[in-house]
N, C-alpha and C. Protein backbone atom coordinates (compact mmCIF):
# COMPACT_ATOMS: atom_id res chain seq x y z
N UNK A 1 47.47 -3.96 14.98
CA UNK A 1 47.21 -2.99 13.94
C UNK A 1 45.72 -2.71 13.93
N UNK A 2 45.33 -1.48 13.64
CA UNK A 2 43.93 -1.10 13.62
C UNK A 2 43.27 -1.60 12.35
N UNK A 3 42.54 -2.71 12.45
CA UNK A 3 41.94 -3.32 11.26
C UNK A 3 40.71 -2.58 10.79
N UNK A 4 40.22 -1.59 11.59
CA UNK A 4 39.05 -0.83 11.16
C UNK A 4 39.41 0.20 10.11
N UNK A 5 40.71 0.49 9.99
CA UNK A 5 41.14 1.46 8.99
C UNK A 5 41.07 0.84 7.61
N UNK A 6 40.70 1.63 6.62
CA UNK A 6 40.83 1.19 5.24
C UNK A 6 42.31 1.21 4.93
N UNK A 7 42.88 0.10 4.54
CA UNK A 7 44.33 0.01 4.38
C UNK A 7 44.77 0.60 3.04
N UNK A 8 46.03 0.41 2.75
CA UNK A 8 46.70 1.02 1.63
C UNK A 8 45.98 0.89 0.29
N UNK A 9 46.17 1.90 -0.55
CA UNK A 9 45.62 1.85 -1.89
C UNK A 9 46.68 2.14 -2.93
N UNK A 10 46.38 2.13 -4.14
CA UNK A 10 46.99 2.69 -5.34
C UNK A 10 48.07 1.92 -6.03
N UNK A 11 48.60 2.78 -6.84
CA UNK A 11 49.65 2.51 -7.75
C UNK A 11 49.12 2.45 -9.14
N UNK A 12 49.94 3.33 -9.83
CA UNK A 12 49.62 3.33 -11.23
C UNK A 12 49.71 1.97 -11.81
N UNK A 13 50.59 1.12 -11.32
CA UNK A 13 50.63 -0.21 -11.90
C UNK A 13 49.55 -1.11 -11.35
N UNK A 14 48.78 -0.82 -10.22
CA UNK A 14 47.79 -1.70 -9.67
C UNK A 14 46.48 -1.53 -10.37
N UNK A 15 45.68 -2.53 -10.44
CA UNK A 15 44.41 -2.41 -11.13
C UNK A 15 43.45 -3.47 -10.66
N UNK A 16 42.27 -3.49 -11.31
CA UNK A 16 41.18 -4.31 -10.83
C UNK A 16 41.29 -5.76 -11.24
N UNK A 17 40.73 -6.61 -10.40
CA UNK A 17 40.64 -8.02 -10.71
C UNK A 17 39.45 -8.25 -11.62
N UNK A 18 39.27 -9.49 -12.09
CA UNK A 18 38.20 -9.80 -13.02
C UNK A 18 36.84 -9.81 -12.37
N UNK A 19 35.80 -9.81 -13.20
CA UNK A 19 34.43 -9.84 -12.69
C UNK A 19 34.24 -11.06 -11.81
N UNK A 20 33.45 -10.87 -10.74
CA UNK A 20 33.15 -11.99 -9.85
C UNK A 20 34.11 -12.08 -8.69
N UNK A 21 35.18 -11.27 -8.67
CA UNK A 21 36.12 -11.27 -7.57
C UNK A 21 35.87 -10.04 -6.71
N UNK A 22 36.71 -9.86 -5.69
CA UNK A 22 36.55 -8.70 -4.81
C UNK A 22 36.79 -7.40 -5.55
N UNK A 23 37.33 -7.46 -6.76
CA UNK A 23 37.60 -6.26 -7.50
C UNK A 23 36.42 -5.82 -8.36
N UNK A 24 35.30 -6.53 -8.28
CA UNK A 24 34.14 -6.19 -9.09
C UNK A 24 33.77 -4.73 -8.90
N UNK A 25 33.48 -4.04 -10.00
CA UNK A 25 33.14 -2.64 -9.94
C UNK A 25 34.31 -1.74 -10.26
N UNK A 26 35.53 -2.23 -10.15
CA UNK A 26 36.72 -1.47 -10.54
C UNK A 26 36.97 -1.72 -12.02
N UNK A 27 37.81 -0.90 -12.66
CA UNK A 27 38.04 -1.07 -14.10
C UNK A 27 38.57 -2.46 -14.44
N UNK A 28 38.00 -3.06 -15.47
CA UNK A 28 38.45 -4.36 -15.95
C UNK A 28 39.48 -4.15 -17.06
N UNK A 29 40.29 -5.18 -17.37
CA UNK A 29 41.30 -5.02 -18.43
C UNK A 29 40.73 -4.50 -19.74
N UNK A 30 39.57 -5.03 -20.18
CA UNK A 30 38.98 -4.57 -21.44
C UNK A 30 38.60 -3.09 -21.37
N UNK A 31 38.12 -2.66 -20.19
CA UNK A 31 37.75 -1.26 -20.03
C UNK A 31 38.99 -0.37 -20.07
N UNK A 32 40.06 -0.79 -19.42
CA UNK A 32 41.29 0.00 -19.43
C UNK A 32 41.91 0.05 -20.82
N UNK A 33 41.72 -1.01 -21.61
CA UNK A 33 42.30 -1.03 -22.96
C UNK A 33 41.69 0.05 -23.84
N UNK A 34 40.49 0.52 -23.48
CA UNK A 34 39.83 1.55 -24.27
C UNK A 34 40.56 2.89 -24.20
N UNK A 35 41.54 3.02 -23.31
CA UNK A 35 42.33 4.25 -23.22
C UNK A 35 43.36 4.36 -24.33
N UNK A 36 43.48 3.31 -25.15
CA UNK A 36 44.53 3.26 -26.17
C UNK A 36 43.94 3.05 -27.56
N UNK A 37 44.65 3.53 -28.57
CA UNK A 37 44.21 3.35 -29.95
C UNK A 37 44.25 1.87 -30.33
N UNK A 38 43.28 1.43 -31.14
CA UNK A 38 43.19 0.05 -31.59
C UNK A 38 43.10 0.00 -33.12
N UNK A 39 43.59 -1.10 -33.67
CA UNK A 39 43.46 -1.34 -35.11
C UNK A 39 43.06 -2.80 -35.34
N UNK A 40 42.53 -3.08 -36.52
CA UNK A 40 42.17 -4.46 -36.86
C UNK A 40 43.44 -5.24 -37.16
N UNK A 41 43.54 -6.41 -36.58
CA UNK A 41 44.74 -7.24 -36.74
C UNK A 41 44.86 -7.78 -38.16
N UNK A 42 43.75 -8.05 -38.81
CA UNK A 42 43.78 -8.60 -40.17
C UNK A 42 42.45 -8.37 -40.85
N UNK A 43 42.15 -9.20 -41.85
CA UNK A 43 40.88 -9.09 -42.54
C UNK A 43 40.83 -7.94 -43.52
N UNK A 44 39.63 -7.65 -44.01
CA UNK A 44 39.45 -6.63 -45.03
C UNK A 44 39.75 -5.22 -44.54
N UNK A 45 39.74 -5.01 -43.23
CA UNK A 45 40.03 -3.69 -42.67
C UNK A 45 41.33 -3.70 -41.87
N UNK A 46 42.28 -4.51 -42.30
CA UNK A 46 43.56 -4.62 -41.59
C UNK A 46 44.19 -3.26 -41.38
N UNK A 47 44.62 -3.00 -40.14
CA UNK A 47 45.24 -1.74 -39.71
C UNK A 47 44.27 -0.57 -39.67
N UNK A 48 42.98 -0.84 -39.90
CA UNK A 48 41.99 0.21 -39.78
C UNK A 48 41.61 0.44 -38.33
N UNK A 49 41.22 1.65 -37.99
CA UNK A 49 40.84 1.97 -36.61
C UNK A 49 39.61 1.17 -36.19
N UNK A 50 39.57 0.79 -34.90
CA UNK A 50 38.45 0.00 -34.39
C UNK A 50 38.35 0.20 -32.89
N UNK A 51 37.28 -0.33 -32.32
CA UNK A 51 37.13 -0.39 -30.87
C UNK A 51 36.75 -1.82 -30.50
N UNK A 52 37.10 -2.21 -29.29
CA UNK A 52 36.79 -3.56 -28.84
C UNK A 52 35.29 -3.79 -28.80
N UNK A 53 34.55 -2.75 -28.40
CA UNK A 53 33.10 -2.88 -28.27
C UNK A 53 32.42 -3.15 -29.61
N UNK A 54 32.99 -2.64 -30.71
CA UNK A 54 32.40 -2.84 -32.04
C UNK A 54 33.30 -3.68 -32.94
N UNK A 55 34.05 -4.58 -32.32
CA UNK A 55 35.02 -5.39 -33.04
C UNK A 55 34.41 -6.15 -34.22
N UNK A 56 33.25 -6.78 -34.00
CA UNK A 56 32.64 -7.60 -35.04
C UNK A 56 32.32 -6.78 -36.30
N UNK A 57 31.89 -5.54 -36.10
CA UNK A 57 31.57 -4.68 -37.24
C UNK A 57 32.82 -4.05 -37.84
N UNK A 58 33.73 -3.60 -36.98
CA UNK A 58 34.93 -2.91 -37.45
C UNK A 58 35.94 -3.84 -38.12
N UNK A 59 36.02 -5.07 -37.61
CA UNK A 59 37.07 -5.99 -38.05
C UNK A 59 36.46 -7.34 -38.47
N UNK A 60 35.78 -7.41 -39.62
CA UNK A 60 35.18 -8.68 -40.06
C UNK A 60 36.24 -9.79 -40.15
N UNK A 61 35.93 -10.92 -39.52
CA UNK A 61 36.81 -12.09 -39.54
C UNK A 61 38.19 -11.82 -38.96
N UNK A 62 38.27 -10.84 -38.07
CA UNK A 62 39.54 -10.53 -37.44
C UNK A 62 39.28 -10.03 -36.02
N UNK A 63 40.31 -9.46 -35.39
CA UNK A 63 40.17 -8.97 -34.02
C UNK A 63 40.71 -7.55 -33.93
N UNK A 64 40.26 -6.83 -32.90
CA UNK A 64 40.65 -5.45 -32.67
C UNK A 64 41.72 -5.44 -31.57
N UNK A 65 42.92 -4.97 -31.89
CA UNK A 65 44.04 -5.03 -30.94
C UNK A 65 44.62 -3.64 -30.72
N UNK A 66 45.22 -3.45 -29.56
CA UNK A 66 45.84 -2.17 -29.23
C UNK A 66 47.02 -1.89 -30.15
N UNK A 67 47.18 -0.61 -30.52
CA UNK A 67 48.29 -0.20 -31.36
C UNK A 67 49.57 -0.15 -30.54
N UNK A 68 50.54 -0.98 -30.89
CA UNK A 68 51.78 -1.06 -30.12
C UNK A 68 52.87 -0.21 -30.76
N UNK A 69 53.71 0.38 -29.90
CA UNK A 69 54.79 1.24 -30.37
C UNK A 69 56.16 0.68 -30.04
N UNK A 70 56.19 -0.54 -29.51
CA UNK A 70 57.47 -1.15 -29.13
C UNK A 70 57.31 -2.65 -29.04
N UNK A 71 58.44 -3.32 -28.93
CA UNK A 71 58.43 -4.73 -28.61
C UNK A 71 58.10 -4.89 -27.13
N UNK A 72 57.81 -6.11 -26.69
CA UNK A 72 57.52 -6.32 -25.28
C UNK A 72 58.80 -6.22 -24.45
N UNK A 73 58.66 -5.77 -23.24
CA UNK A 73 59.77 -5.60 -22.30
C UNK A 73 59.49 -6.47 -21.08
N UNK A 74 60.41 -7.36 -20.76
CA UNK A 74 60.23 -8.23 -19.59
C UNK A 74 60.58 -7.47 -18.32
N UNK A 75 59.82 -7.75 -17.26
CA UNK A 75 60.10 -7.10 -16.00
C UNK A 75 59.61 -7.91 -14.81
N UNK A 76 59.98 -7.46 -13.63
CA UNK A 76 59.49 -8.04 -12.38
C UNK A 76 58.83 -6.92 -11.59
N UNK A 77 57.59 -7.14 -11.19
CA UNK A 77 56.84 -6.15 -10.43
C UNK A 77 56.65 -6.62 -9.00
N UNK A 78 56.98 -5.76 -8.04
CA UNK A 78 56.80 -6.07 -6.62
C UNK A 78 55.91 -5.01 -5.99
N UNK A 79 54.87 -5.45 -5.29
CA UNK A 79 53.98 -4.57 -4.55
C UNK A 79 54.16 -4.84 -3.07
N UNK A 80 54.41 -3.80 -2.29
CA UNK A 80 54.59 -3.92 -0.84
C UNK A 80 53.53 -3.05 -0.17
N UNK A 81 52.51 -3.69 0.37
CA UNK A 81 51.41 -2.97 1.03
C UNK A 81 51.61 -3.04 2.53
N UNK A 82 51.63 -1.88 3.17
CA UNK A 82 51.88 -1.83 4.61
C UNK A 82 50.80 -0.98 5.29
N UNK A 83 50.01 -1.63 6.12
CA UNK A 83 48.99 -0.93 6.89
C UNK A 83 49.47 -0.52 8.26
N UNK A 84 50.78 -0.65 8.49
CA UNK A 84 51.34 -0.36 9.81
C UNK A 84 52.72 0.28 9.65
N UNK A 85 52.77 1.40 8.91
CA UNK A 85 54.04 2.09 8.67
C UNK A 85 54.61 2.58 10.00
N UNK A 86 55.89 2.28 10.24
CA UNK A 86 56.47 2.54 11.55
C UNK A 86 57.55 3.63 11.49
N UNK A 87 57.69 4.31 12.59
CA UNK A 87 58.80 5.24 12.83
C UNK A 87 59.88 4.40 13.49
N UNK A 88 60.97 4.12 12.77
CA UNK A 88 61.99 3.19 13.28
C UNK A 88 62.56 3.66 14.61
N UNK A 89 62.75 4.99 14.76
CA UNK A 89 63.34 5.51 15.98
C UNK A 89 62.36 5.49 17.15
N UNK A 90 61.14 5.94 16.90
CA UNK A 90 60.18 6.11 17.99
C UNK A 90 59.17 4.97 18.13
N UNK A 91 59.07 4.12 17.10
CA UNK A 91 58.21 2.95 17.20
C UNK A 91 56.73 3.20 16.99
N UNK A 92 56.34 4.45 16.65
CA UNK A 92 54.93 4.70 16.42
C UNK A 92 54.47 4.06 15.12
N UNK A 93 53.18 3.77 15.02
CA UNK A 93 52.67 3.07 13.85
C UNK A 93 51.26 3.56 13.54
N UNK A 94 50.68 3.03 12.45
CA UNK A 94 49.29 3.34 12.14
C UNK A 94 49.08 3.96 10.77
N UNK A 95 50.11 4.56 10.20
CA UNK A 95 49.96 5.12 8.86
C UNK A 95 50.02 4.02 7.80
N UNK A 96 49.63 4.39 6.58
CA UNK A 96 49.56 3.42 5.50
C UNK A 96 50.40 3.84 4.31
N UNK A 97 50.91 2.90 3.56
CA UNK A 97 51.69 3.20 2.36
C UNK A 97 51.73 1.99 1.44
N UNK A 98 51.98 2.27 0.19
CA UNK A 98 52.18 1.20 -0.81
C UNK A 98 53.46 1.51 -1.57
N UNK A 99 54.38 0.57 -1.62
CA UNK A 99 55.61 0.73 -2.39
C UNK A 99 55.55 -0.18 -3.61
N UNK A 100 55.92 0.38 -4.75
CA UNK A 100 55.95 -0.36 -6.01
C UNK A 100 57.38 -0.39 -6.52
N UNK A 101 57.84 -1.58 -6.89
CA UNK A 101 59.20 -1.75 -7.42
C UNK A 101 59.09 -2.46 -8.75
N UNK A 102 59.64 -1.84 -9.80
CA UNK A 102 59.66 -2.44 -11.13
C UNK A 102 61.10 -2.63 -11.58
N UNK A 103 61.45 -3.86 -11.92
CA UNK A 103 62.80 -4.18 -12.38
C UNK A 103 62.75 -4.52 -13.87
N UNK A 104 63.56 -3.82 -14.67
CA UNK A 104 63.61 -4.06 -16.12
C UNK A 104 65.06 -3.97 -16.59
N UNK A 105 65.30 -4.47 -17.79
CA UNK A 105 66.62 -4.32 -18.41
C UNK A 105 66.50 -3.28 -19.52
N UNK A 106 67.29 -2.24 -19.44
CA UNK A 106 67.27 -1.16 -20.42
C UNK A 106 67.90 -1.63 -21.74
N UNK A 107 67.66 -0.91 -22.83
CA UNK A 107 68.25 -1.29 -24.12
C UNK A 107 69.77 -1.40 -24.11
N UNK A 108 70.43 -0.63 -23.22
CA UNK A 108 71.90 -0.71 -23.16
C UNK A 108 72.39 -1.89 -22.32
N UNK A 109 71.46 -2.71 -21.85
CA UNK A 109 71.81 -3.90 -21.07
C UNK A 109 71.87 -3.68 -19.57
N UNK A 110 71.74 -2.45 -19.13
CA UNK A 110 71.80 -2.17 -17.70
C UNK A 110 70.52 -2.61 -17.00
N UNK A 111 70.67 -3.11 -15.78
CA UNK A 111 69.52 -3.52 -15.00
C UNK A 111 69.01 -2.33 -14.21
N UNK A 112 67.75 -2.01 -14.39
CA UNK A 112 67.15 -0.84 -13.77
C UNK A 112 66.14 -1.25 -12.71
N UNK A 113 66.16 -0.58 -11.58
CA UNK A 113 65.17 -0.80 -10.51
C UNK A 113 64.46 0.53 -10.26
N UNK A 114 63.19 0.58 -10.60
CA UNK A 114 62.39 1.80 -10.46
C UNK A 114 61.43 1.59 -9.29
N UNK A 115 61.46 2.48 -8.32
CA UNK A 115 60.63 2.31 -7.13
C UNK A 115 59.98 3.63 -6.74
N UNK A 116 58.78 3.53 -6.19
CA UNK A 116 58.07 4.69 -5.69
C UNK A 116 57.15 4.26 -4.56
N UNK A 117 57.01 5.12 -3.56
CA UNK A 117 56.11 4.84 -2.43
C UNK A 117 54.97 5.83 -2.47
N UNK A 118 53.76 5.34 -2.22
CA UNK A 118 52.55 6.15 -2.31
C UNK A 118 51.88 6.25 -0.95
N UNK A 119 51.40 7.47 -0.66
CA UNK A 119 50.74 7.72 0.63
C UNK A 119 49.84 8.94 0.47
N UNK A 120 48.76 8.95 1.23
CA UNK A 120 47.91 10.14 1.31
C UNK A 120 48.60 11.11 2.27
N UNK A 121 49.29 12.11 1.73
CA UNK A 121 50.09 13.00 2.57
C UNK A 121 49.23 13.90 3.45
N UNK A 122 48.01 14.18 3.01
CA UNK A 122 47.12 15.02 3.83
C UNK A 122 46.56 14.24 5.01
N UNK A 123 46.44 12.92 4.84
CA UNK A 123 45.90 12.07 5.90
C UNK A 123 46.60 10.72 5.84
N UNK A 124 47.84 10.64 6.36
CA UNK A 124 48.65 9.42 6.23
C UNK A 124 48.01 8.15 6.76
N UNK A 125 47.04 8.29 7.67
CA UNK A 125 46.40 7.08 8.19
C UNK A 125 45.29 6.59 7.27
N UNK A 126 44.96 7.40 6.24
CA UNK A 126 43.96 7.01 5.26
C UNK A 126 44.62 6.36 4.05
N UNK A 127 43.84 5.61 3.30
CA UNK A 127 44.38 4.98 2.10
C UNK A 127 44.63 6.00 1.00
N UNK A 128 45.81 6.00 0.39
CA UNK A 128 46.05 6.87 -0.75
C UNK A 128 45.21 6.42 -1.94
N UNK A 129 44.98 7.32 -2.89
CA UNK A 129 44.13 7.04 -4.04
C UNK A 129 44.90 7.13 -5.34
N UNK A 130 44.49 6.31 -6.31
CA UNK A 130 45.02 6.35 -7.66
C UNK A 130 43.94 6.88 -8.59
N UNK A 131 44.28 7.28 -9.81
CA UNK A 131 43.25 7.68 -10.77
C UNK A 131 42.22 6.56 -10.94
N UNK A 132 40.96 6.93 -11.02
CA UNK A 132 39.89 5.92 -11.04
C UNK A 132 39.91 5.04 -12.27
N UNK A 133 40.54 5.53 -13.38
CA UNK A 133 40.59 4.67 -14.56
C UNK A 133 41.66 3.60 -14.44
N UNK A 134 42.53 3.71 -13.42
CA UNK A 134 43.54 2.69 -13.16
C UNK A 134 43.06 1.73 -12.09
N UNK A 135 42.61 2.28 -10.97
CA UNK A 135 42.09 1.46 -9.89
C UNK A 135 41.06 2.26 -9.11
N UNK A 136 39.93 1.64 -8.83
CA UNK A 136 38.83 2.36 -8.19
C UNK A 136 38.57 1.89 -6.77
N UNK A 137 39.44 1.03 -6.24
CA UNK A 137 39.29 0.54 -4.88
C UNK A 137 40.63 0.60 -4.17
N UNK A 138 40.57 0.46 -2.85
CA UNK A 138 41.81 0.45 -2.06
C UNK A 138 42.65 -0.77 -2.40
N UNK A 139 43.95 -0.55 -2.57
CA UNK A 139 44.87 -1.68 -2.71
C UNK A 139 45.48 -1.94 -1.34
N UNK A 140 44.69 -2.53 -0.47
CA UNK A 140 45.10 -2.80 0.90
C UNK A 140 45.90 -4.09 0.97
N UNK A 141 46.38 -4.42 2.16
CA UNK A 141 47.05 -5.70 2.33
C UNK A 141 46.11 -6.85 1.98
N UNK A 142 44.85 -6.73 2.39
CA UNK A 142 43.88 -7.77 2.07
C UNK A 142 43.65 -7.87 0.57
N UNK A 143 43.60 -6.73 -0.13
CA UNK A 143 43.37 -6.77 -1.57
C UNK A 143 44.60 -7.26 -2.34
N UNK A 144 45.79 -6.98 -1.82
CA UNK A 144 46.99 -7.55 -2.42
C UNK A 144 46.94 -9.08 -2.29
N UNK A 145 46.44 -9.56 -1.16
CA UNK A 145 46.28 -10.99 -0.96
C UNK A 145 45.34 -11.58 -2.01
N UNK A 146 44.25 -10.88 -2.30
CA UNK A 146 43.31 -11.34 -3.31
C UNK A 146 43.90 -11.25 -4.72
N UNK A 147 44.67 -10.19 -4.96
CA UNK A 147 45.31 -10.03 -6.26
C UNK A 147 46.27 -11.17 -6.56
N UNK A 148 46.88 -11.74 -5.54
CA UNK A 148 47.87 -12.80 -5.73
C UNK A 148 47.30 -14.02 -6.44
N UNK A 149 45.99 -14.24 -6.37
CA UNK A 149 45.40 -15.42 -7.01
C UNK A 149 45.04 -15.16 -8.46
N UNK A 150 45.11 -13.91 -8.92
CA UNK A 150 44.76 -13.61 -10.31
C UNK A 150 45.42 -12.30 -10.74
N UNK A 151 46.74 -12.34 -10.92
CA UNK A 151 47.45 -11.12 -11.30
C UNK A 151 47.14 -10.69 -12.72
N UNK A 152 46.48 -11.55 -13.52
CA UNK A 152 46.10 -11.17 -14.88
C UNK A 152 45.15 -9.98 -14.89
N UNK A 153 44.52 -9.69 -13.74
CA UNK A 153 43.65 -8.53 -13.65
C UNK A 153 44.39 -7.22 -13.82
N UNK A 154 45.73 -7.25 -13.82
CA UNK A 154 46.52 -6.04 -13.98
C UNK A 154 46.80 -5.69 -15.44
N UNK A 155 46.35 -6.53 -16.37
CA UNK A 155 46.61 -6.25 -17.78
C UNK A 155 45.99 -4.92 -18.19
N UNK A 156 46.77 -4.12 -18.91
CA UNK A 156 46.43 -2.78 -19.36
C UNK A 156 46.51 -1.73 -18.25
N UNK A 157 47.05 -2.09 -17.09
CA UNK A 157 47.30 -1.09 -16.05
C UNK A 157 48.54 -0.28 -16.41
N UNK A 158 48.53 1.00 -16.04
CA UNK A 158 49.63 1.91 -16.32
C UNK A 158 50.29 2.35 -15.01
N UNK A 159 51.58 2.68 -15.07
CA UNK A 159 52.24 3.25 -13.89
C UNK A 159 51.89 4.72 -13.73
N UNK A 160 52.29 5.31 -12.61
CA UNK A 160 52.06 6.73 -12.44
C UNK A 160 53.06 7.52 -13.28
N UNK A 161 52.92 8.83 -13.28
CA UNK A 161 53.70 9.69 -14.17
C UNK A 161 55.20 9.57 -13.94
N UNK A 162 55.63 9.46 -12.68
CA UNK A 162 57.06 9.42 -12.38
C UNK A 162 57.72 8.17 -12.97
N UNK A 163 57.12 7.02 -12.73
CA UNK A 163 57.68 5.77 -13.27
C UNK A 163 57.53 5.74 -14.79
N UNK A 164 56.38 6.19 -15.30
CA UNK A 164 56.15 6.19 -16.75
C UNK A 164 57.18 7.05 -17.48
N UNK A 165 57.47 8.22 -16.93
CA UNK A 165 58.44 9.12 -17.56
C UNK A 165 59.83 8.50 -17.58
N UNK A 166 60.20 7.83 -16.50
CA UNK A 166 61.52 7.18 -16.45
C UNK A 166 61.60 6.06 -17.48
N UNK A 167 60.52 5.29 -17.63
CA UNK A 167 60.50 4.23 -18.64
C UNK A 167 60.61 4.82 -20.05
N UNK A 168 59.90 5.90 -20.30
CA UNK A 168 59.98 6.55 -21.61
C UNK A 168 61.40 7.02 -21.90
N UNK A 169 62.08 7.54 -20.89
CA UNK A 169 63.46 8.00 -21.06
C UNK A 169 64.38 6.82 -21.35
N UNK A 170 64.24 5.76 -20.57
CA UNK A 170 65.10 4.59 -20.73
C UNK A 170 64.96 3.95 -22.10
N UNK A 171 63.71 3.90 -22.60
CA UNK A 171 63.43 3.18 -23.84
C UNK A 171 63.17 4.11 -25.02
N UNK A 172 63.43 5.40 -24.83
CA UNK A 172 63.29 6.40 -25.90
C UNK A 172 61.95 6.29 -26.61
N UNK A 173 60.88 6.34 -25.84
CA UNK A 173 59.54 6.22 -26.39
C UNK A 173 58.65 7.32 -25.84
N UNK A 174 57.69 7.75 -26.66
CA UNK A 174 56.70 8.72 -26.21
C UNK A 174 55.36 8.05 -25.92
N UNK A 175 55.30 6.73 -26.11
CA UNK A 175 54.07 6.00 -25.85
C UNK A 175 53.82 5.81 -24.36
N UNK A 176 52.67 5.22 -24.05
CA UNK A 176 52.32 4.96 -22.66
C UNK A 176 52.76 3.54 -22.28
N UNK A 177 53.62 3.39 -21.27
CA UNK A 177 54.03 2.05 -20.84
C UNK A 177 52.88 1.36 -20.12
N UNK A 178 52.59 0.14 -20.54
CA UNK A 178 51.41 -0.58 -20.05
C UNK A 178 51.77 -2.04 -19.81
N UNK A 179 51.19 -2.64 -18.78
CA UNK A 179 51.34 -4.08 -18.57
C UNK A 179 50.49 -4.81 -19.59
N UNK A 180 51.09 -5.65 -20.41
CA UNK A 180 50.34 -6.41 -21.41
C UNK A 180 50.25 -7.89 -21.04
N UNK A 181 51.03 -8.31 -20.04
CA UNK A 181 50.95 -9.69 -19.57
C UNK A 181 51.44 -9.76 -18.13
N UNK A 182 50.70 -10.48 -17.29
CA UNK A 182 51.11 -10.74 -15.91
C UNK A 182 51.07 -12.24 -15.71
N UNK A 183 52.18 -12.81 -15.25
CA UNK A 183 52.33 -14.27 -15.26
C UNK A 183 51.98 -14.89 -13.90
N UNK A 184 50.83 -15.57 -13.86
CA UNK A 184 50.37 -16.20 -12.63
C UNK A 184 51.38 -17.19 -12.06
N UNK A 185 52.03 -17.96 -12.94
CA UNK A 185 52.92 -19.03 -12.48
C UNK A 185 54.19 -18.51 -11.82
N UNK A 186 54.46 -17.22 -11.92
CA UNK A 186 55.68 -16.67 -11.33
C UNK A 186 55.42 -15.99 -9.99
N UNK A 187 54.20 -16.03 -9.50
CA UNK A 187 53.83 -15.29 -8.29
C UNK A 187 54.60 -15.80 -7.07
N UNK A 188 55.15 -14.84 -6.31
CA UNK A 188 55.70 -15.11 -4.98
C UNK A 188 54.98 -14.16 -4.03
N UNK A 189 54.49 -14.70 -2.91
CA UNK A 189 53.60 -13.93 -2.07
C UNK A 189 53.88 -14.19 -0.60
N UNK A 190 53.93 -13.10 0.17
CA UNK A 190 54.10 -13.19 1.62
C UNK A 190 52.95 -12.44 2.28
N UNK A 191 52.03 -13.18 2.88
CA UNK A 191 50.84 -12.58 3.49
C UNK A 191 51.13 -12.20 4.94
N UNK A 192 51.13 -10.90 5.20
CA UNK A 192 51.30 -10.40 6.57
C UNK A 192 50.14 -9.49 6.95
N UNK A 193 48.97 -9.77 6.38
CA UNK A 193 47.81 -8.93 6.64
C UNK A 193 47.30 -9.04 8.07
N UNK A 194 47.76 -10.07 8.80
CA UNK A 194 47.29 -10.24 10.18
C UNK A 194 48.36 -9.93 11.22
N UNK A 195 49.53 -9.41 10.76
CA UNK A 195 50.55 -9.02 11.73
C UNK A 195 51.08 -7.64 11.38
N UNK A 196 52.17 -7.23 11.98
CA UNK A 196 52.68 -5.88 11.81
C UNK A 196 53.69 -5.71 10.69
N UNK A 197 53.92 -6.76 9.91
CA UNK A 197 54.81 -6.67 8.76
C UNK A 197 54.00 -6.30 7.51
N UNK A 198 54.70 -5.90 6.46
CA UNK A 198 54.04 -5.56 5.20
C UNK A 198 53.77 -6.82 4.40
N UNK A 199 52.70 -6.79 3.62
CA UNK A 199 52.37 -7.88 2.70
C UNK A 199 53.07 -7.62 1.37
N UNK A 200 53.70 -8.66 0.81
CA UNK A 200 54.52 -8.50 -0.39
C UNK A 200 54.04 -9.45 -1.49
N UNK A 201 53.89 -8.91 -2.70
CA UNK A 201 53.52 -9.70 -3.88
C UNK A 201 54.51 -9.39 -4.99
N UNK A 202 55.10 -10.44 -5.57
CA UNK A 202 56.08 -10.27 -6.64
C UNK A 202 55.76 -11.23 -7.78
N UNK A 203 55.85 -10.75 -9.01
CA UNK A 203 55.59 -11.63 -10.17
C UNK A 203 56.18 -11.00 -11.43
N UNK A 204 56.32 -11.83 -12.46
CA UNK A 204 56.87 -11.39 -13.73
C UNK A 204 55.78 -10.72 -14.57
N UNK A 205 56.18 -9.69 -15.31
CA UNK A 205 55.26 -9.01 -16.20
C UNK A 205 55.94 -8.77 -17.55
N UNK A 206 55.11 -8.44 -18.54
CA UNK A 206 55.61 -7.92 -19.81
C UNK A 206 54.97 -6.56 -20.02
N UNK A 207 55.80 -5.59 -20.40
CA UNK A 207 55.35 -4.24 -20.66
C UNK A 207 55.47 -3.94 -22.15
N UNK A 208 54.67 -2.99 -22.59
CA UNK A 208 54.77 -2.54 -23.97
C UNK A 208 54.30 -1.08 -24.03
N UNK A 209 54.90 -0.32 -24.92
CA UNK A 209 54.45 1.06 -25.12
C UNK A 209 53.30 1.06 -26.10
N UNK A 210 52.16 1.64 -25.69
CA UNK A 210 50.98 1.71 -26.53
C UNK A 210 50.69 3.15 -26.92
N UNK A 211 49.85 3.28 -27.93
CA UNK A 211 49.47 4.60 -28.44
C UNK A 211 48.23 5.09 -27.71
N UNK A 212 48.35 6.08 -26.80
CA UNK A 212 47.18 6.55 -26.06
C UNK A 212 46.26 7.36 -26.96
N UNK A 213 44.99 7.34 -26.66
CA UNK A 213 44.01 8.12 -27.42
C UNK A 213 44.17 9.61 -27.11
């Protein structure tokens, strides 16, 4: 595989790791949380509007939390990063793609599997891009490998419009579906960054509908 290529990127559900990791410079969870309305959890200004940056002033003796529009929803998120997309019939390779699979249980009890594949259609050998407020760096096979050691960096990440709309339909919500918890202890990881197979990362998440600004 051509390792000089910048490998796969994106996904509305992918986001930056914490400060001090390879994700430095990309949006951090606290920065992404600023996309949503916040209120004081308690204290003299309980339920009053606030921002995380001015929490001490806005929420005396309390904390500033995102405004939630639903209960938490349990799910399983799988990221499949492939820097060597192949033509099964002809065997050609070299293009890049990222597939995202989200498994949730709908309110009616049905098990739902939502999947989408991302690629730079104008230049398939280049890394596709996500909105910069979600992720500002390539989500390559190597970066998926780094993400595996700290999936909590995905907190407050949002899916793209197609997956988000389907979640809103399933759960009858107009809010923005957001990852509010990513569980390190549930990580399953297959590193294929040095061969021709795709690298796979799977872990449990909790989603919640938040009130966007």
